[in-house]
Amino acid sequence: MDFATFNGLYTLFLIIIFVALIFWAYSKKQKQSFEEMGNSILDDDLDSTEYESNSSEHTGAKK
Protein backbone atom coordinates (compact mmCIF):
# COMPACT_ATOMS: atom_id res chain seq x y z
CA MET A 1 0.00 0.00 0.00
CA ASP A 2 1.51 3.28 -1.02
CA PHE A 3 1.24 6.62 0.71
CA ALA A 4 -1.53 8.01 -1.53
CA THR A 5 -3.78 5.00 -0.88
CA PHE A 6 -3.21 5.33 2.86
CA ASN A 7 -4.09 9.04 2.74
CA GLY A 8 -7.25 8.30 0.79
CA LEU A 9 -8.39 5.62 3.23
CA TYR A 10 -7.54 7.81 6.20
CA THR A 11 -9.56 10.69 4.72
CA LEU A 12 -12.50 8.37 4.05
CA PHE A 13 -12.32 7.10 7.64
CA LEU A 14 -12.36 10.66 9.01
CA ILE A 15 -15.34 11.62 6.81
CA ILE A 16 -17.28 8.58 8.03
CA ILE A 17 -16.51 9.47 11.67
CA PHE A 18 -17.56 13.08 11.06
CA VAL A 19 -20.88 12.10 9.46
CA ALA A 20 -21.58 9.62 12.27
CA LEU A 21 -20.90 12.34 14.84
CA ILE A 22 -23.28 14.73 13.09
CA PHE A 23 -26.03 12.10 12.98
CA TRP A 24 -25.48 11.35 16.67
CA ALA A 25 -25.57 15.02 17.67
CA TYR A 26 -28.79 15.72 15.78
CA SER A 27 -30.59 12.49 16.66
CA LYS A 28 -33.89 12.75 18.51
CA LYS A 29 -32.59 10.52 21.31
CA GLN A 30 -30.00 13.13 22.30
CA LYS A 31 -32.32 16.15 22.18
CA GLN A 32 -33.58 15.84 25.77
CA SER A 33 -30.13 15.45 27.30
CA PHE A 34 -28.74 18.35 25.27
CA GLU A 35 -31.70 20.53 26.30
CA GLU A 36 -31.06 19.69 29.97
CA MET A 37 -27.36 20.51 29.62
CA GLY A 38 -28.13 23.76 27.83
CA ASN A 39 -30.66 24.88 30.42
CA SER A 40 -28.55 23.80 33.40
CA ILE A 41 -26.48 26.98 33.12
CA LEU A 42 -29.64 28.98 33.74
CA ASP A 43 -30.55 27.10 36.93
CA ASP A 44 -29.77 29.19 39.98
CA ASP A 45 -29.46 26.45 42.60
CA LEU A 46 -26.36 27.87 44.26
CA ASP A 47 -26.75 31.03 46.32
CA SER A 48 -24.05 33.44 45.13
CA THR A 49 -23.38 34.90 48.59
CA GLU A 50 -22.85 31.43 50.03
CA TYR A 51 -20.44 30.61 47.22
CA GLU A 52 -18.46 33.81 47.74
CA SER A 53 -18.09 33.21 51.48
CA ASN A 54 -16.95 29.62 50.92
CA SER A 55 -14.49 30.52 48.19
CA SER A 56 -12.76 33.16 50.32
CA GLU A 57 -12.28 30.62 53.12
CA HIS A 58 -10.55 28.18 50.80
CA THR A 59 -8.21 30.76 49.29
CA GLY A 60 -7.31 32.40 52.55
CA ALA A 61 -8.58 35.78 51.33
CA LYS A 62 -9.83 38.11 54.02
CA LYS A 63 -12.97 40.15 53.75
PDB file of N, CA and C in Angstrom:
ATOM      1  N   MET A   1       0.859  -1.169   0.000  1.00  0.00           N
ATOM      2  CA  MET A   1       0.000   0.000   0.000  1.00  0.00           C
ATOM      3  C   MET A   1       0.906   1.233   0.000  1.00  0.00           C
ATOM      4  N   ASP A   2       0.688   2.083  -0.949  1.00  0.00           N
ATOM      5  CA  ASP A   2       1.510   3.284  -1.025  1.00  0.00           C
ATOM      6  C   ASP A   2       0.892   4.412  -0.190  1.00  0.00           C
ATOM      7  N   PHE A   3       1.616   5.497  -0.134  1.00  0.00           N
ATOM      8  CA  PHE A   3       1.242   6.623   0.709  1.00  0.00           C
ATOM      9  C   PHE A   3      -0.074   7.268   0.271  1.00  0.00           C
ATOM     10  N   ALA A   4      -0.310   7.378  -1.023  1.00  0.00           N
ATOM     11  CA  ALA A   4      -1.534   8.010  -1.535  1.00  0.00           C
ATOM     12  C   ALA A   4      -2.762   7.181  -1.182  1.00  0.00           C
ATOM     13  N   THR A   5      -2.658   5.870  -1.246  1.00  0.00           N
ATOM     14  CA  THR A   5      -3.776   5.003  -0.878  1.00  0.00           C
ATOM     15  C   THR A   5      -4.082   5.133   0.616  1.00  0.00           C
ATOM     16  N   PHE A   6      -3.027   5.158   1.413  1.00  0.00           N
ATOM     17  CA  PHE A   6      -3.210   5.331   2.857  1.00  0.00           C
ATOM     18  C   PHE A   6      -3.886   6.661   3.168  1.00  0.00           C
ATOM     19  N   ASN A   7      -3.464   7.735   2.515  1.00  0.00           N
ATOM     20  CA  ASN A   7      -4.087   9.041   2.742  1.00  0.00           C
ATOM     21  C   ASN A   7      -5.557   9.034   2.325  1.00  0.00           C
ATOM     22  N   GLY A   8      -5.870   8.378   1.235  1.00  0.00           N
ATOM     23  CA  GLY A   8      -7.250   8.300   0.792  1.00  0.00           C
ATOM     24  C   GLY A   8      -8.130   7.528   1.772  1.00  0.00           C
ATOM     25  N   LEU A   9      -7.623   6.407   2.260  1.00  0.00           N
ATOM     26  CA  LEU A   9      -8.386   5.617   3.231  1.00  0.00           C
ATOM     27  C   LEU A   9      -8.541   6.357   4.562  1.00  0.00           C
ATOM     28  N   TYR A  10      -7.493   7.032   4.961  1.00  0.00           N
ATOM     29  CA  TYR A  10      -7.545   7.812   6.201  1.00  0.00           C
ATOM     30  C   TYR A  10      -8.567   8.947   6.082  1.00  0.00           C
ATOM     31  N   THR A  11      -8.585   9.614   4.948  1.00  0.00           N
ATOM     32  CA  THR A  11      -9.556  10.685   4.719  1.00  0.00           C
ATOM     33  C   THR A  11     -10.976  10.129   4.705  1.00  0.00           C
ATOM     34  N   LEU A  12     -11.183   9.005   4.061  1.00  0.00           N
ATOM     35  CA  LEU A  12     -12.497   8.372   4.047  1.00  0.00           C
ATOM     36  C   LEU A  12     -12.933   7.985   5.450  1.00  0.00           C
ATOM     37  N   PHE A  13     -12.022   7.456   6.247  1.00  0.00           N
ATOM     38  CA  PHE A  13     -12.317   7.103   7.636  1.00  0.00           C
ATOM     39  C   PHE A  13     -12.738   8.339   8.434  1.00  0.00           C
ATOM     40  N   LEU A  14     -12.027   9.439   8.274  1.00  0.00           N
ATOM     41  CA  LEU A  14     -12.363  10.664   9.006  1.00  0.00           C
ATOM     42  C   LEU A  14     -13.714  11.233   8.568  1.00  0.00           C
ATOM     43  N   ILE A  15     -14.038  11.138   7.296  1.00  0.00           N
ATOM     44  CA  ILE A  15     -15.336  11.620   6.811  1.00  0.00           C
ATOM     45  C   ILE A  15     -16.459  10.776   7.394  1.00  0.00           C
ATOM     46  N   ILE A  16     -16.264   9.464   7.456  1.00  0.00           N
ATOM     47  CA  ILE A  16     -17.283   8.581   8.035  1.00  0.00           C
ATOM     48  C   ILE A  16     -17.478   8.894   9.515  1.00  0.00           C
ATOM     49  N   ILE A  17     -16.410   9.107  10.248  1.00  0.00           N
ATOM     50  CA  ILE A  17     -16.509   9.471  11.673  1.00  0.00           C
ATOM     51  C   ILE A  17     -17.230  10.802  11.827  1.00  0.00           C
ATOM     52  N   PHE A  18     -16.921  11.766  10.992  1.00  0.00           N
ATOM     53  CA  PHE A  18     -17.555  13.083  11.062  1.00  0.00           C
ATOM     54  C   PHE A  18     -19.056  12.983  10.804  1.00  0.00           C
ATOM     55  N   VAL A  19     -19.456  12.250   9.778  1.00  0.00           N
ATOM     56  CA  VAL A  19     -20.875  12.100   9.458  1.00  0.00           C
ATOM     57  C   VAL A  19     -21.597  11.367  10.582  1.00  0.00           C
ATOM     58  N   ALA A  20     -20.978  10.339  11.149  1.00  0.00           N
ATOM     59  CA  ALA A  20     -21.583   9.616  12.271  1.00  0.00           C
ATOM     60  C   ALA A  20     -21.764  10.537  13.473  1.00  0.00           C
ATOM     61  N   LEU A  21     -20.808  11.393  13.729  1.00  0.00           N
ATOM     62  CA  LEU A  21     -20.904  12.339  14.843  1.00  0.00           C
ATOM     63  C   LEU A  21     -22.035  13.340  14.622  1.00  0.00           C
ATOM     64  N   ILE A  22     -22.197  13.802  13.400  1.00  0.00           N
ATOM     65  CA  ILE A  22     -23.283  14.732  13.085  1.00  0.00           C
ATOM     66  C   ILE A  22     -24.636  14.052  13.277  1.00  0.00           C
ATOM     67  N   PHE A  23     -24.768  12.825  12.787  1.00  0.00           N
ATOM     68  CA  PHE A  23     -26.027  12.097  12.977  1.00  0.00           C
ATOM     69  C   PHE A  23     -26.317  11.869  14.456  1.00  0.00           C
ATOM     70  N   TRP A  24     -25.288  11.556  15.239  1.00  0.00           N
ATOM     71  CA  TRP A  24     -25.478  11.349  16.672  1.00  0.00           C
ATOM     72  C   TRP A  24     -25.920  12.643  17.367  1.00  0.00           C
ATOM     73  N   ALA A  25     -25.283  13.745  17.012  1.00  0.00           N
ATOM     74  CA  ALA A  25     -25.573  15.017  17.673  1.00  0.00           C
ATOM     75  C   ALA A  25     -26.981  15.507  17.362  1.00  0.00           C
ATOM     76  N   TYR A  26     -27.471  15.240  16.167  1.00  0.00           N
ATOM     77  CA  TYR A  26     -28.790  15.723  15.780  1.00  0.00           C
ATOM     78  C   TYR A  26     -29.875  14.655  15.895  1.00  0.00           C
ATOM     79  N   SER A  27     -29.579  13.525  16.518  1.00  0.00           N
ATOM     80  CA  SER A  27     -30.595  12.490  16.664  1.00  0.00           C
ATOM     81  C   SER A  27     -31.620  12.906  17.716  1.00  0.00           C
ATOM     82  N   LYS A  28     -32.819  12.390  17.580  1.00  0.00           N
ATOM     83  CA  LYS A  28     -33.891  12.750  18.507  1.00  0.00           C
ATOM     84  C   LYS A  28     -33.650  12.181  19.896  1.00  0.00           C
ATOM     85  N   LYS A  29     -32.883  11.112  20.007  1.00  0.00           N
ATOM     86  CA  LYS A  29     -32.590  10.522  21.312  1.00  0.00           C
ATOM     87  C   LYS A  29     -31.761  11.471  22.175  1.00  0.00           C
ATOM     88  N   GLN A  30     -30.901  12.254  21.565  1.00  0.00           N
ATOM     89  CA  GLN A  30     -30.000  13.129  22.299  1.00  0.00           C
ATOM     90  C   GLN A  30     -30.615  14.490  22.620  1.00  0.00           C
ATOM     91  N   LYS A  31     -31.755  14.820  22.032  1.00  0.00           N
ATOM     92  CA  LYS A  31     -32.318  16.154  22.182  1.00  0.00           C
ATOM     93  C   LYS A  31     -32.611  16.494  23.643  1.00  0.00           C
ATOM     94  N   GLN A  32     -33.213  15.569  24.371  1.00  0.00           N
ATOM     95  CA  GLN A  32     -33.577  15.839  25.765  1.00  0.00           C
ATOM     96  C   GLN A  32     -32.336  16.079  26.628  1.00  0.00           C
ATOM     97  N   SER A  33     -31.324  15.265  26.474  1.00  0.00           N
ATOM     98  CA  SER A  33     -30.127  15.452  27.305  1.00  0.00           C
ATOM     99  C   SER A  33     -29.398  16.746  26.943  1.00  0.00           C
ATOM    100  N   PHE A  34     -29.373  17.094  25.654  1.00  0.00           N
ATOM    101  CA  PHE A  34     -28.742  18.349  25.266  1.00  0.00           C
ATOM    102  C   PHE A  34     -29.540  19.554  25.768  1.00  0.00           C
ATOM    103  N   GLU A  35     -30.867  19.456  25.769  1.00  0.00           N
ATOM    104  CA  GLU A  35     -31.699  20.534  26.302  1.00  0.00           C
ATOM    105  C   GLU A  35     -31.438  20.710  27.802  1.00  0.00           C
ATOM    106  N   GLU A  36     -31.334  19.606  28.530  1.00  0.00           N
ATOM    107  CA  GLU A  36     -31.058  19.691  29.965  1.00  0.00           C
ATOM    108  C   GLU A  36     -29.697  20.324  30.227  1.00  0.00           C
ATOM    109  N   MET A  37     -28.691  19.928  29.446  1.00  0.00           N
ATOM    110  CA  MET A  37     -27.364  20.514  29.619  1.00  0.00           C
ATOM    111  C   MET A  37     -27.362  22.002  29.279  1.00  0.00           C
ATOM    112  N   GLY A  38     -28.084  22.362  28.229  1.00  0.00           N
ATOM    113  CA  GLY A  38     -28.134  23.764  27.829  1.00  0.00           C
ATOM    114  C   GLY A  38     -28.859  24.636  28.832  1.00  0.00           C
ATOM    115  N   ASN A  39     -29.899  24.099  29.451  1.00  0.00           N
ATOM    116  CA  ASN A  39     -30.663  24.875  30.422  1.00  0.00           C
ATOM    117  C   ASN A  39     -30.060  24.823  31.817  1.00  0.00           C
ATOM    118  N   SER A  40     -29.123  23.921  32.065  1.00  0.00           N
ATOM    119  CA  SER A  40     -28.549  23.803  33.402  1.00  0.00           C
ATOM    120  C   SER A  40     -27.758  25.056  33.783  1.00  0.00           C
ATOM    121  N   ILE A  41     -27.236  25.765  32.805  1.00  0.00           N
ATOM    122  CA  ILE A  41     -26.484  26.984  33.118  1.00  0.00           C
ATOM    123  C   ILE A  41     -27.407  28.078  33.655  1.00  0.00           C
ATOM    124  N   LEU A  42     -28.682  27.971  33.307  1.00  0.00           N
ATOM    125  CA  LEU A  42     -29.638  28.980  33.742  1.00  0.00           C
ATOM    126  C   LEU A  42     -30.227  28.687  35.111  1.00  0.00           C
ATOM    127  N   ASP A  43     -30.047  27.459  35.602  1.00  0.00           N
ATOM    128  CA  ASP A  43     -30.554  27.104  36.925  1.00  0.00           C
ATOM    129  C   ASP A  43     -29.744  27.834  37.980  1.00  0.00           C
ATOM    130  N   ASP A  44     -30.444  28.429  38.939  1.00  0.00           N
ATOM    131  CA  ASP A  44     -29.769  29.188  39.983  1.00  0.00           C
ATOM    132  C   ASP A  44     -29.937  28.438  41.300  1.00  0.00           C
ATOM    133  N   ASP A  45     -29.343  27.248  41.383  1.00  0.00           N
ATOM    134  CA  ASP A  45     -29.461  26.447  42.595  1.00  0.00           C
ATOM    135  C   ASP A  45     -28.497  26.899  43.679  1.00  0.00           C
ATOM    136  N   LEU A  46     -27.387  27.488  43.309  1.00  0.00           N
ATOM    137  CA  LEU A  46     -26.365  27.871  44.261  1.00  0.00           C
ATOM    138  C   LEU A  46     -26.522  29.349  44.608  1.00  0.00           C
ATOM    139  N   ASP A  47     -26.647  29.644  45.876  1.00  0.00           N
ATOM    140  CA  ASP A  47     -26.745  31.031  46.322  1.00  0.00           C
ATOM    141  C   ASP A  47     -25.389  31.702  46.143  1.00  0.00           C
ATOM    142  N   SER A  48     -25.332  32.815  45.454  1.00  0.00           N
ATOM    143  CA  SER A  48     -24.052  33.436  45.126  1.00  0.00           C
ATOM    144  C   SER A  48     -23.332  33.951  46.369  1.00  0.00           C
ATOM    145  N   THR A  49     -24.052  34.420  47.379  1.00  0.00           N
ATOM    146  CA  THR A  49     -23.382  34.903  48.589  1.00  0.00           C
ATOM    147  C   THR A  49     -22.762  33.744  49.355  1.00  0.00           C
ATOM    148  N   GLU A  50     -23.417  32.605  49.357  1.00  0.00           N
ATOM    149  CA  GLU A  50     -22.852  31.431  50.026  1.00  0.00           C
ATOM    150  C   GLU A  50     -21.586  30.983  49.310  1.00  0.00           C
ATOM    151  N   TYR A  51     -21.605  31.017  47.997  1.00  0.00           N
ATOM    152  CA  TYR A  51     -20.442  30.613  47.221  1.00  0.00           C
ATOM    153  C   TYR A  51     -19.275  31.555  47.471  1.00  0.00           C
ATOM    154  N   GLU A  52     -19.532  32.843  47.526  1.00  0.00           N
ATOM    155  CA  GLU A  52     -18.463  33.807  47.739  1.00  0.00           C
ATOM    156  C   GLU A  52     -17.842  33.638  49.119  1.00  0.00           C
ATOM    157  N   SER A  53     -18.654  33.375  50.149  1.00  0.00           N
ATOM    158  CA  SER A  53     -18.090  33.209  51.480  1.00  0.00           C
ATOM    159  C   SER A  53     -17.268  31.932  51.572  1.00  0.00           C
ATOM    160  N   ASN A  54     -17.710  30.865  50.899  1.00  0.00           N
ATOM    161  CA  ASN A  54     -16.947  29.619  50.924  1.00  0.00           C
ATOM    162  C   ASN A  54     -15.669  29.722  50.117  1.00  0.00           C
ATOM    163  N   SER A  55     -15.692  30.434  49.015  1.00  0.00           N
ATOM    164  CA  SER A  55     -14.493  30.522  48.186  1.00  0.00           C
ATOM    165  C   SER A  55     -13.412  31.346  48.865  1.00  0.00           C
ATOM    166  N   SER A  56     -13.780  32.362  49.645  1.00  0.00           N
ATOM    167  CA  SER A  56     -12.757  33.156  50.322  1.00  0.00           C
ATOM    168  C   SER A  56     -12.119  32.372  51.454  1.00  0.00           C
ATOM    169  N   GLU A  57     -12.854  31.439  52.063  1.00  0.00           N
ATOM    170  CA  GLU A  57     -12.277  30.622  53.119  1.00  0.00           C
ATOM    171  C   GLU A  57     -11.222  29.671  52.566  1.00  0.00           C
ATOM    172  N   HIS A  58     -11.478  29.133  51.385  1.00  0.00           N
ATOM    173  CA  HIS A  58     -10.553  28.181  50.804  1.00  0.00           C
ATOM    174  C   HIS A  58      -9.289  28.862  50.292  1.00  0.00           C
ATOM    175  N   THR A  59      -9.388  30.088  49.843  1.00  0.00           N
ATOM    176  CA  THR A  59      -8.209  30.757  49.293  1.00  0.00           C
ATOM    177  C   THR A  59      -7.425  31.492  50.347  1.00  0.00           C
ATOM    178  N   GLY A  60      -8.006  31.678  51.515  1.00  0.00           N
ATOM    179  CA  GLY A  60      -7.311  32.404  52.549  1.00  0.00           C
ATOM    180  C   GLY A  60      -7.486  33.907  52.425  1.00  0.00           C
ATOM    181  N   ALA A  61      -8.335  34.365  51.498  1.00  0.00           N
ATOM    182  CA  ALA A  61      -8.579  35.782  51.326  1.00  0.00           C
ATOM    183  C   ALA A  61      -9.393  36.306  52.498  1.00  0.00           C
ATOM    184  N   LYS A  62      -9.095  37.512  52.917  1.00  0.00           N
ATOM    185  CA  LYS A  62      -9.826  38.111  54.016  1.00  0.00           C
ATOM    186  C   LYS A  62     -10.820  39.124  53.482  1.00  0.00           C
ATOM    187  N   LYS A  63     -11.930  39.200  54.165  1.00  0.00           N
ATOM    188  CA  LYS A  63     -12.975  40.153  53.748  1.00  0.00           C
ATOM    189  C   LYS A  63     -12.731  41.494  54.353  1.00  0.00           C
TER     190      LYS A  63
END
